[in-house]
Amino acid sequence: MKYGATSYAGSDVTQYDTLVSVDSNGNYDFGTMYEGDYYLLAAGNYIDSQNSSVPVTGGIKVKITSRKQKCNFNIDVAP
């Protein structure tokens, strides 16, 4: 997650402010997010039909408007 970002912040995850891992169902939790703009980047590997690892990425821009809101974001990824 990149704080204060309104557009793609690049694929280098070390340039992001917070990193989390997904669970076995693809769910993730950033905990408390304050009001503002964020860019969420998803990066990982997909195992294809030949059992090869294929890197995938995707991302979305989000705006948090209230500290009390519960948000669910789906991030599409592709090679």
PDB file of N, CA and C in Angstrom:
ATOM      1  N   MET A   1       0.843  -1.154   0.000  1.00  0.00           N
ATOM      2  CA  MET A   1       0.000   0.000   0.000  1.00  0.00           C
ATOM      3  C   MET A   1       0.898   1.230   0.000  1.00  0.00           C
ATOM      4  N   LYS A   2       0.563   2.175  -0.848  1.00  0.00           N
ATOM      5  CA  LYS A   2       1.302   3.436  -0.917  1.00  0.00           C
ATOM      6  C   LYS A   2       0.384   4.550  -0.438  1.00  0.00           C
ATOM      7  N   TYR A   3       0.773   5.238   0.629  1.00  0.00           N
ATOM      8  CA  TYR A   3      -0.026   6.323   1.186  1.00  0.00           C
ATOM      9  C   TYR A   3       0.056   7.561   0.297  1.00  0.00           C
ATOM     10  N   GLY A   4      -1.047   8.280   0.177  1.00  0.00           N
ATOM     11  CA  GLY A   4      -1.057   9.548  -0.545  1.00  0.00           C
ATOM     12  C   GLY A   4      -0.920   9.406  -2.047  1.00  0.00           C
ATOM     13  N   ALA A   5      -1.063   8.190  -2.579  1.00  0.00           N
ATOM     14  CA  ALA A   5      -0.887   7.958  -4.017  1.00  0.00           C
ATOM     15  C   ALA A   5      -2.245   7.985  -4.716  1.00  0.00           C
ATOM     16  N   THR A   6      -2.309   8.648  -5.846  1.00  0.00           N
ATOM     17  CA  THR A   6      -3.548   8.692  -6.635  1.00  0.00           C
ATOM     18  C   THR A   6      -3.390   7.975  -7.966  1.00  0.00           C
ATOM     19  N   SER A   7      -2.227   7.361  -8.175  1.00  0.00           N
ATOM     20  CA  SER A   7      -2.002   6.611  -9.408  1.00  0.00           C
ATOM     21  C   SER A   7      -0.956   5.527  -9.141  1.00  0.00           C
ATOM     22  N   TYR A   8      -0.734   4.695 -10.140  1.00  0.00           N
ATOM     23  CA  TYR A   8       0.239   3.600 -10.052  1.00  0.00           C
ATOM     24  C   TYR A   8       1.579   4.121  -9.558  1.00  0.00           C
ATOM     25  N   ALA A   9       2.108   3.461  -8.536  1.00  0.00           N
ATOM     26  CA  ALA A   9       3.355   3.909  -7.920  1.00  0.00           C
ATOM     27  C   ALA A   9       4.547   3.039  -8.308  1.00  0.00           C
ATOM     28  N   GLY A  10       4.413   2.215  -9.338  1.00  0.00           N
ATOM     29  CA  GLY A  10       5.496   1.364  -9.791  1.00  0.00           C
ATOM     30  C   GLY A  10       5.393  -0.036  -9.222  1.00  0.00           C
ATOM     31  N   SER A  11       6.149  -0.952  -9.808  1.00  0.00           N
ATOM     32  CA  SER A  11       6.066  -2.361  -9.411  1.00  0.00           C
ATOM     33  C   SER A  11       7.082  -2.764  -8.344  1.00  0.00           C
ATOM     34  N   ASP A  12       7.960  -1.853  -7.951  1.00  0.00           N
ATOM     35  CA  ASP A  12       8.966  -2.151  -6.930  1.00  0.00           C
ATOM     36  C   ASP A  12       8.319  -2.078  -5.550  1.00  0.00           C
ATOM     37  N   VAL A  13       8.039  -3.240  -4.945  1.00  0.00           N
ATOM     38  CA  VAL A  13       7.318  -3.256  -3.674  1.00  0.00           C
ATOM     39  C   VAL A  13       8.086  -2.575  -2.545  1.00  0.00           C
ATOM     40  N   THR A  14       9.393  -2.404  -2.676  1.00  0.00           N
ATOM     41  CA  THR A  14      10.147  -1.723  -1.624  1.00  0.00           C
ATOM     42  C   THR A  14       9.816  -0.231  -1.579  1.00  0.00           C
ATOM     43  N   GLN A  15       9.166   0.298  -2.603  1.00  0.00           N
ATOM     44  CA  GLN A  15       8.782   1.702  -2.637  1.00  0.00           C
ATOM     45  C   GLN A  15       7.414   1.949  -1.997  1.00  0.00           C
ATOM     46  N   TYR A  16       6.763   0.881  -1.534  1.00  0.00           N
ATOM     47  CA  TYR A  16       5.455   0.996  -0.899  1.00  0.00           C
ATOM     48  C   TYR A  16       5.616   1.110   0.611  1.00  0.00           C
ATOM     49  N   ASP A  17       4.608   1.682   1.275  1.00  0.00           N
ATOM     50  CA  ASP A  17       4.700   1.977   2.701  1.00  0.00           C
ATOM     51  C   ASP A  17       4.345   0.801   3.604  1.00  0.00           C
ATOM     52  N   THR A  18       3.442  -0.056   3.159  1.00  0.00           N
ATOM     53  CA  THR A  18       2.997  -1.194   3.959  1.00  0.00           C
ATOM     54  C   THR A  18       2.886  -2.416   3.070  1.00  0.00           C
ATOM     55  N   LEU A  19       3.388  -3.542   3.541  1.00  0.00           N
ATOM     56  CA  LEU A  19       3.290  -4.806   2.816  1.00  0.00           C
ATOM     57  C   LEU A  19       2.536  -5.805   3.677  1.00  0.00           C
ATOM     58  N   VAL A  20       1.604  -6.540   3.077  1.00  0.00           N
ATOM     59  CA  VAL A  20       0.889  -7.607   3.774  1.00  0.00           C
ATOM     60  C   VAL A  20       0.844  -8.821   2.858  1.00  0.00           C
ATOM     61  N   SER A  21       0.606  -9.968   3.440  1.00  0.00           N
ATOM     62  CA  SER A  21       0.452 -11.209   2.677  1.00  0.00           C
ATOM     63  C   SER A  21      -1.016 -11.610   2.672  1.00  0.00           C
ATOM     64  N   VAL A  22      -1.411 -12.322   1.647  1.00  0.00           N
ATOM     65  CA  VAL A  22      -2.782 -12.819   1.578  1.00  0.00           C
ATOM     66  C   VAL A  22      -2.863 -14.186   2.246  1.00  0.00           C
ATOM     67  N   ASP A  23      -4.089 -14.545   2.659  1.00  0.00           N
ATOM     68  CA  ASP A  23      -4.277 -15.879   3.206  1.00  0.00           C
ATOM     69  C   ASP A  23      -4.565 -16.864   2.070  1.00  0.00           C
ATOM     70  N   SER A  24      -4.895 -18.095   2.406  1.00  0.00           N
ATOM     71  CA  SER A  24      -5.094 -19.125   1.381  1.00  0.00           C
ATOM     72  C   SER A  24      -6.294 -18.846   0.480  1.00  0.00           C
ATOM     73  N   ASN A  25      -7.170 -17.921   0.892  1.00  0.00           N
ATOM     74  CA  ASN A  25      -8.330 -17.547   0.078  1.00  0.00           C
ATOM     75  C   ASN A  25      -8.105 -16.245  -0.682  1.00  0.00           C
ATOM     76  N   GLY A  26      -6.918 -15.658  -0.561  1.00  0.00           N
ATOM     77  CA  GLY A  26      -6.627 -14.403  -1.240  1.00  0.00           C
ATOM     78  C   GLY A  26      -7.072 -13.175  -0.471  1.00  0.00           C
ATOM     79  N   ASN A  27      -7.443 -13.332   0.783  1.00  0.00           N
ATOM     80  CA  ASN A  27      -7.881 -12.199   1.601  1.00  0.00           C
ATOM     81  C   ASN A  27      -6.691 -11.527   2.272  1.00  0.00           C
ATOM     82  N   TYR A  28      -6.821 -10.232   2.490  1.00  0.00           N
ATOM     83  CA  TYR A  28      -5.771  -9.460   3.149  1.00  0.00           C
ATOM     84  C   TYR A  28      -6.403  -8.431   4.056  1.00  0.00           C
ATOM     85  N   ASP A  29      -5.645  -7.901   5.017  1.00  0.00           N
ATOM     86  CA  ASP A  29      -6.160  -6.915   5.958  1.00  0.00           C
ATOM     87  C   ASP A  29      -5.052  -5.921   6.278  1.00  0.00           C
ATOM     88  N   PHE A  30      -5.326  -4.649   6.011  1.00  0.00           N
ATOM     89  CA  PHE A  30      -4.364  -3.600   6.341  1.00  0.00           C
ATOM     90  C   PHE A  30      -4.611  -3.033   7.733  1.00  0.00           C
ATOM     91  N   GLY A  31      -5.643  -3.484   8.420  1.00  0.00           N
ATOM     92  CA  GLY A  31      -5.963  -2.912   9.723  1.00  0.00           C
ATOM     93  C   GLY A  31      -6.563  -1.531   9.531  1.00  0.00           C
ATOM     94  N   THR A  32      -6.219  -0.604  10.411  1.00  0.00           N
ATOM     95  CA  THR A  32      -6.772   0.747  10.348  1.00  0.00           C
ATOM     96  C   THR A  32      -6.142   1.532   9.205  1.00  0.00           C
ATOM     97  N   MET A  33      -6.995   2.053   8.346  1.00  0.00           N
ATOM     98  CA  MET A  33      -6.555   2.949   7.265  1.00  0.00           C
ATOM     99  C   MET A  33      -7.215   4.303   7.506  1.00  0.00           C
ATOM    100  N   TYR A  34      -6.436   5.346   7.506  1.00  0.00           N
ATOM    101  CA  TYR A  34      -6.958   6.685   7.758  1.00  0.00           C
ATOM    102  C   TYR A  34      -7.495   7.296   6.468  1.00  0.00           C
ATOM    103  N   GLU A  35      -8.289   8.334   6.624  1.00  0.00           N
ATOM    104  CA  GLU A  35      -8.853   9.012   5.457  1.00  0.00           C
ATOM    105  C   GLU A  35      -7.731   9.458   4.530  1.00  0.00           C
ATOM    106  N   GLY A  36      -7.971   9.292   3.227  1.00  0.00           N
ATOM    107  CA  GLY A  36      -6.983   9.717   2.253  1.00  0.00           C
ATOM    108  C   GLY A  36      -6.938   8.812   1.035  1.00  0.00           C
ATOM    109  N   ASP A  37      -5.965   9.074   0.181  1.00  0.00           N
ATOM    110  CA  ASP A  37      -5.772   8.332  -1.056  1.00  0.00           C
ATOM    111  C   ASP A  37      -4.685   7.287  -0.867  1.00  0.00           C
ATOM    112  N   TYR A  38      -4.897   6.131  -1.507  1.00  0.00           N
ATOM    113  CA  TYR A  38      -3.955   5.022  -1.428  1.00  0.00           C
ATOM    114  C   TYR A  38      -3.885   4.339  -2.789  1.00  0.00           C
ATOM    115  N   TYR A  39      -2.762   3.693  -3.034  1.00  0.00           N
ATOM    116  CA  TYR A  39      -2.669   2.795  -4.183  1.00  0.00           C
ATOM    117  C   TYR A  39      -2.319   1.420  -3.632  1.00  0.00           C
ATOM    118  N   LEU A  40      -3.153   0.424  -3.978  1.00  0.00           N
ATOM    119  CA  LEU A  40      -2.923  -0.952  -3.528  1.00  0.00           C
ATOM    120  C   LEU A  40      -2.353  -1.754  -4.683  1.00  0.00           C
ATOM    121  N   LEU A  41      -1.192  -2.340  -4.487  1.00  0.00           N
ATOM    122  CA  LEU A  41      -0.531  -3.163  -5.494  1.00  0.00           C
ATOM    123  C   LEU A  41      -0.575  -4.612  -5.047  1.00  0.00           C
ATOM    124  N   ALA A  42      -0.957  -5.494  -5.953  1.00  0.00           N
ATOM    125  CA  ALA A  42      -0.910  -6.937  -5.689  1.00  0.00           C
ATOM    126  C   ALA A  42       0.153  -7.529  -6.606  1.00  0.00           C
ATOM    127  N   ALA A  43       1.055  -8.304  -6.035  1.00  0.00           N
ATOM    128  CA  ALA A  43       2.118  -8.939  -6.814  1.00  0.00           C
ATOM    129  C   ALA A  43       2.331 -10.345  -6.278  1.00  0.00           C
ATOM    130  N   GLY A  44       2.519 -11.272  -7.190  1.00  0.00           N
ATOM    131  CA  GLY A  44       2.726 -12.645  -6.761  1.00  0.00           C
ATOM    132  C   GLY A  44       3.061 -13.545  -7.927  1.00  0.00           C
ATOM    133  N   ASN A  45       2.853 -14.823  -7.744  1.00  0.00           N
ATOM    134  CA  ASN A  45       3.134 -15.809  -8.780  1.00  0.00           C
ATOM    135  C   ASN A  45       1.940 -16.732  -8.948  1.00  0.00           C
ATOM    136  N   TYR A  46       1.669 -17.078 -10.178  1.00  0.00           N
ATOM    137  CA  TYR A  46       0.604 -18.000 -10.541  1.00  0.00           C
ATOM    138  C   TYR A  46       1.266 -19.255 -11.103  1.00  0.00           C
ATOM    139  N   ILE A  47       0.795 -20.419 -10.688  1.00  0.00           N
ATOM    140  CA  ILE A  47       1.333 -21.672 -11.221  1.00  0.00           C
ATOM    141  C   ILE A  47       0.451 -22.100 -12.385  1.00  0.00           C
ATOM    142  N   ASP A  48       1.016 -22.122 -13.598  1.00  0.00           N
ATOM    143  CA  ASP A  48       0.225 -22.441 -14.794  1.00  0.00           C
ATOM    144  C   ASP A  48       0.079 -23.956 -14.978  1.00  0.00           C
ATOM    145  N   SER A  49      -0.577 -24.353 -16.073  1.00  0.00           N
ATOM    146  CA  SER A  49      -0.875 -25.767 -16.319  1.00  0.00           C
ATOM    147  C   SER A  49       0.377 -26.615 -16.539  1.00  0.00           C
ATOM    148  N   GLN A  50       1.524 -25.995 -16.882  1.00  0.00           N
ATOM    149  CA  GLN A  50       2.781 -26.735 -17.028  1.00  0.00           C
ATOM    150  C   GLN A  50       3.598 -26.705 -15.732  1.00  0.00           C
ATOM    151  N   ASN A  51       2.958 -26.274 -14.645  1.00  0.00           N
ATOM    152  CA  ASN A  51       3.588 -26.179 -13.336  1.00  0.00           C
ATOM    153  C   ASN A  51       4.732 -25.165 -13.310  1.00  0.00           C
ATOM    154  N   SER A  52       4.625 -24.145 -14.155  1.00  0.00           N
ATOM    155  CA  SER A  52       5.611 -23.061 -14.183  1.00  0.00           C
ATOM    156  C   SER A  52       5.078 -21.860 -13.411  1.00  0.00           C
ATOM    157  N   SER A  53       5.960 -21.172 -12.747  1.00  0.00           N
ATOM    158  CA  SER A  53       5.587 -19.977 -11.997  1.00  0.00           C
ATOM    159  C   SER A  53       5.566 -18.762 -12.933  1.00  0.00           C
ATOM    160  N   VAL A  54       4.434 -18.084 -12.973  1.00  0.00           N
ATOM    161  CA  VAL A  54       4.262 -16.911 -13.831  1.00  0.00           C
ATOM    162  C   VAL A  54       4.017 -15.695 -12.931  1.00  0.00           C
ATOM    163  N   PRO A  55       4.870 -14.656 -12.993  1.00  0.00           N
ATOM    164  CA  PRO A  55       4.641 -13.466 -12.170  1.00  0.00           C
ATOM    165  C   PRO A  55       3.370 -12.739 -12.615  1.00  0.00           C
ATOM    166  N   VAL A  56       2.584 -12.276 -11.636  1.00  0.00           N
ATOM    167  CA  VAL A  56       1.374 -11.506 -11.914  1.00  0.00           C
ATOM    168  C   VAL A  56       1.363 -10.254 -11.044  1.00  0.00           C
ATOM    169  N   THR A  57       0.782  -9.183 -11.562  1.00  0.00           N
ATOM    170  CA  THR A  57       0.625  -7.946 -10.805  1.00  0.00           C
ATOM    171  C   THR A  57      -0.700  -7.290 -11.167  1.00  0.00           C
ATOM    172  N   GLY A  58      -1.132  -6.413 -10.326  1.00  0.00           N
ATOM    173  CA  GLY A  58      -2.325  -5.617 -10.555  1.00  0.00           C
ATOM    174  C   GLY A  58      -2.420  -4.584  -9.453  1.00  0.00           C
ATOM    175  N   GLY A  59      -3.267  -3.614  -9.638  1.00  0.00           N
ATOM    176  CA  GLY A  59      -3.400  -2.600  -8.606  1.00  0.00           C
ATOM    177  C   GLY A  59      -4.629  -1.747  -8.800  1.00  0.00           C
ATOM    178  N   ILE A  60      -4.999  -1.060  -7.735  1.00  0.00           N
ATOM    179  CA  ILE A  60      -6.129  -0.136  -7.783  1.00  0.00           C
ATOM    180  C   ILE A  60      -5.862   1.073  -6.907  1.00  0.00           C
ATOM    181  N   LYS A  61      -6.461   2.185  -7.302  1.00  0.00           N
ATOM    182  CA  LYS A  61      -6.433   3.411  -6.501  1.00  0.00           C
ATOM    183  C   LYS A  61      -7.682   3.388  -5.630  1.00  0.00           C
ATOM    184  N   VAL A  62      -7.543   3.706  -4.342  1.00  0.00           N
ATOM    185  CA  VAL A  62      -8.696   3.772  -3.454  1.00  0.00           C
ATOM    186  C   VAL A  62      -8.661   5.063  -2.653  1.00  0.00           C
ATOM    187  N   LYS A  63      -9.843   5.514  -2.259  1.00  0.00           N
ATOM    188  CA  LYS A  63      -9.968   6.701  -1.412  1.00  0.00           C
ATOM    189  C   LYS A  63     -10.759   6.293  -0.178  1.00  0.00           C
ATOM    190  N   ILE A  64     -10.175   6.483   0.981  1.00  0.00           N
ATOM    191  CA  ILE A  64     -10.847   6.212   2.240  1.00  0.00           C
ATOM    192  C   ILE A  64     -11.459   7.525   2.719  1.00  0.00           C
ATOM    193  N   THR A  65     -12.768   7.507   2.957  1.00  0.00           N
ATOM    194  CA  THR A  65     -13.458   8.747   3.323  1.00  0.00           C
ATOM    195  C   THR A  65     -13.881   8.787   4.779  1.00  0.00           C
ATOM    196  N   SER A  66     -13.761   7.660   5.479  1.00  0.00           N
ATOM    197  CA  SER A  66     -14.149   7.617   6.883  1.00  0.00           C
ATOM    198  C   SER A  66     -13.352   6.534   7.594  1.00  0.00           C
ATOM    199  N   ARG A  67     -12.851   6.828   8.792  1.00  0.00           N
ATOM    200  CA  ARG A  67     -12.091   5.832   9.553  1.00  0.00           C
ATOM    201  C   ARG A  67     -12.967   4.681  10.009  1.00  0.00           C
ATOM    202  N   LYS A  68     -14.264   4.868  10.035  1.00  0.00           N
ATOM    203  CA  LYS A  68     -15.176   3.847  10.544  1.00  0.00           C
ATOM    204  C   LYS A  68     -15.657   2.885   9.461  1.00  0.00           C
ATOM    205  N   GLN A  69     -15.390   3.180   8.199  1.00  0.00           N
ATOM    206  CA  GLN A  69     -15.913   2.326   7.141  1.00  0.00           C
ATOM    207  C   GLN A  69     -15.113   1.043   6.998  1.00  0.00           C
ATOM    208  N   LYS A  70     -15.809  -0.036   6.670  1.00  0.00           N
ATOM    209  CA  LYS A  70     -15.157  -1.311   6.370  1.00  0.00           C
ATOM    210  C   LYS A  70     -15.145  -1.434   4.854  1.00  0.00           C
ATOM    211  N   CYS A  71     -14.009  -1.676   4.283  1.00  0.00           N
ATOM    212  CA  CYS A  71     -13.862  -1.718   2.828  1.00  0.00           C
ATOM    213  C   CYS A  71     -13.415  -3.099   2.375  1.00  0.00           C
ATOM    214  N   ASN A  72     -13.910  -3.493   1.237  1.00  0.00           N
ATOM    215  CA  ASN A  72     -13.457  -4.717   0.575  1.00  0.00           C
ATOM    216  C   ASN A  72     -13.049  -4.334  -0.839  1.00  0.00           C
ATOM    217  N   PHE A  73     -11.835  -4.650  -1.218  1.00  0.00           N
ATOM    218  CA  PHE A  73     -11.338  -4.331  -2.545  1.00  0.00           C
ATOM    219  C   PHE A  73     -10.848  -5.606  -3.225  1.00  0.00           C
ATOM    220  N   ASN A  74     -11.296  -5.839  -4.425  1.00  0.00           N
ATOM    221  CA  ASN A  74     -10.785  -6.936  -5.239  1.00  0.00           C
ATOM    222  C   ASN A  74      -9.770  -6.362  -6.215  1.00  0.00           C
ATOM    223  N   ILE A  75      -8.599  -6.949  -6.265  1.00  0.00           N
ATOM    224  CA  ILE A  75      -7.539  -6.478  -7.141  1.00  0.00           C
ATOM    225  C   ILE A  75      -7.294  -7.536  -8.198  1.00  0.00           C
ATOM    226  N   ASP A  76      -7.619  -7.219  -9.446  1.00  0.00           N
ATOM    227  CA  ASP A  76      -7.361  -8.137 -10.552  1.00  0.00           C
ATOM    228  C   ASP A  76      -5.879  -8.158 -10.859  1.00  0.00           C
ATOM    229  N   VAL A  77      -5.334  -9.335 -11.112  1.00  0.00           N
ATOM    230  CA  VAL A  77      -3.924  -9.477 -11.475  1.00  0.00           C
ATOM    231  C   VAL A  77      -3.818 -10.181 -12.822  1.00  0.00           C
ATOM    232  N   ALA A  78      -2.733  -9.928 -13.516  1.00  0.00           N
ATOM    233  CA  ALA A  78      -2.471 -10.545 -14.822  1.00  0.00           C
ATOM    234  C   ALA A  78      -0.952 -10.596 -15.031  1.00  0.00           C
ATOM    235  N   PRO A  79      -0.516 -11.511 -15.927  1.00  0.00           N
ATOM    236  CA  PRO A  79       0.922 -11.573 -16.219  1.00  0.00           C
ATOM    237  C   PRO A  79       1.434 -10.300 -16.877  1.00  0.00           C
TER     238      PRO A  79
END
